[in-house]
Amino acid sequence: IGHPTGREIPDREGADLDMEVILKAAAKSGVAMEISASPYRLDLDDNHARRASELGVLISINTDAHAEEDLDMLHYGVAIARRASLTKDNVINTWSTKKLLDWLKNRGK
């Protein structure tokens, strides 16, 4: 799930969502949550990413790049993941292709 709260810094606050319900549903259905590395999003934050990990929800870190020069924003997402104490095992875009394809085939089962 990408942009779960929909916030855009500094223009729009994130939606007032019950993230616990969303994260539990993601865990149950085998859906990964996104950390958007865009400095205008930074959504999931570190607290939600940590809770996702505690519930067994996997994470994808995405630059949200709309132009080539935006690709170097990945470090913002990595910083959120580090503050959340995530490891490479929690972050699906650090996995081998085989591991990712196996997860995609078997998730939610």
Protein backbone atom coordinates (compact mmCIF):
# COMPACT_ATOMS: atom_id res chain seq x y z
CA ILE A 1 0.00 0.00 0.00
CA GLY A 2 1.60 3.25 -1.11
CA HIS A 3 1.06 6.71 0.37
CA PRO A 4 -1.16 5.30 3.12
CA THR A 5 -1.94 8.63 4.78
CA GLY A 6 -1.76 10.71 1.59
CA ARG A 7 0.18 13.51 3.22
CA GLU A 8 2.15 16.02 1.17
CA ILE A 9 4.63 18.05 3.19
CA PRO A 10 4.04 21.01 3.76
CA ASP A 11 0.74 21.33 1.88
CA ARG A 12 -1.48 18.56 3.20
CA GLU A 13 -1.67 16.74 6.51
CA GLY A 14 -2.05 13.00 6.36
CA ALA A 15 -5.49 11.49 6.69
CA ASP A 16 -6.56 10.57 10.22
CA LEU A 17 -6.49 6.80 9.77
CA ASP A 18 -6.47 3.93 12.21
CA MET A 19 -3.08 2.63 11.11
CA GLU A 20 -3.32 -0.30 13.51
CA VAL A 21 -6.35 -1.61 11.60
CA ILE A 22 -4.64 -1.03 8.24
CA LEU A 23 -1.41 -2.70 9.33
CA LYS A 24 -3.23 -5.72 10.77
CA ALA A 25 -5.20 -6.09 7.53
CA ALA A 26 -1.95 -5.88 5.54
CA ALA A 27 -0.41 -8.56 7.76
CA LYS A 28 -3.42 -10.83 7.36
CA SER A 29 -3.56 -10.49 3.58
CA GLY A 30 0.19 -10.52 2.88
CA VAL A 31 0.31 -6.97 1.52
CA ALA A 32 3.49 -4.92 1.81
CA MET A 33 3.45 -1.30 2.97
CA GLU A 34 5.47 1.44 1.31
CA ILE A 35 7.89 3.88 2.84
CA SER A 36 7.89 6.78 0.41
CA ALA A 37 11.35 8.34 0.39
CA SER A 38 10.11 11.56 -1.15
CA PRO A 39 10.85 14.40 1.28
CA TYR A 40 7.34 15.65 0.44
CA ARG A 41 5.77 12.36 1.62
CA LEU A 42 7.93 10.41 4.13
CA ASP A 43 4.95 8.14 4.59
CA LEU A 44 5.03 5.58 6.43
CA ASP A 45 6.84 7.29 9.25
CA ASP A 46 9.26 5.39 11.46
CA ASN A 47 6.66 4.62 14.15
CA HIS A 48 4.23 3.08 11.66
CA ALA A 49 7.05 1.21 9.92
CA ARG A 50 8.22 -0.22 13.25
CA ARG A 51 4.68 -1.31 14.12
CA ALA A 52 4.28 -2.86 10.67
CA SER A 53 7.42 -4.90 11.27
CA GLU A 54 6.18 -6.01 14.70
CA LEU A 55 3.01 -7.29 13.02
CA GLY A 56 4.97 -9.12 10.32
CA VAL A 57 4.15 -6.66 7.54
CA LEU A 58 6.86 -6.33 4.93
CA ILE A 59 8.05 -2.97 3.65
CA SER A 60 9.04 -1.57 0.27
CA ILE A 61 11.13 1.61 0.13
CA ASN A 62 10.20 3.74 -2.87
CA THR A 63 11.72 7.00 -4.10
CA ASP A 64 8.36 8.18 -5.51
CA ALA A 65 10.53 9.52 -8.35
CA HIS A 66 8.75 11.45 -11.05
CA ALA A 67 12.03 12.50 -12.67
CA GLU A 68 15.49 10.95 -12.96
CA GLU A 69 17.02 13.35 -10.46
CA ASP A 70 14.51 12.19 -7.82
CA LEU A 71 16.03 8.69 -7.77
CA ASP A 72 18.71 9.82 -5.33
CA MET A 73 16.09 10.43 -2.61
CA LEU A 74 16.21 6.79 -1.56
CA HIS A 75 18.38 7.68 1.45
CA TYR A 76 15.39 9.42 3.09
CA GLY A 77 13.44 6.16 3.02
CA VAL A 78 16.43 4.18 4.25
CA ALA A 79 16.74 6.61 7.18
CA ILE A 80 13.10 5.97 8.12
CA ALA A 81 13.68 2.21 7.89
CA ARG A 82 16.76 2.47 10.10
CA ARG A 83 14.91 4.54 12.71
CA ALA A 84 12.22 1.85 12.66
CA SER A 85 14.91 -0.82 13.27
CA LEU A 86 14.05 -2.61 10.03
CA THR A 87 16.51 -5.05 8.52
CA LYS A 88 17.01 -6.23 4.96
CA ASP A 89 14.72 -9.15 5.79
CA ASN A 90 11.84 -6.67 6.36
CA VAL A 91 12.39 -4.72 3.12
CA ILE A 92 11.28 -6.54 -0.01
CA ASN A 93 13.29 -4.48 -2.47
CA THR A 94 16.52 -5.67 -0.82
CA TRP A 95 15.66 -9.30 -1.61
CA SER A 96 16.90 -11.48 -4.42
CA THR A 97 14.58 -11.84 -7.39
CA LYS A 98 13.89 -15.46 -6.45
CA LYS A 99 12.93 -14.60 -2.88
CA LEU A 100 10.65 -11.78 -4.05
CA LEU A 101 8.92 -13.96 -6.64
CA ASP A 102 8.45 -16.75 -4.08
CA TRP A 103 6.88 -14.28 -1.65
CA LEU A 104 4.58 -12.88 -4.34
CA LYS A 105 3.45 -16.40 -5.24
CA ASN A 106 2.79 -17.46 -1.64
CA ARG A 107 1.68 -14.29 0.17
CA GLY A 108 -1.59 -14.33 1.97
CA LYS A 109 -1.65 -18.13 2.13
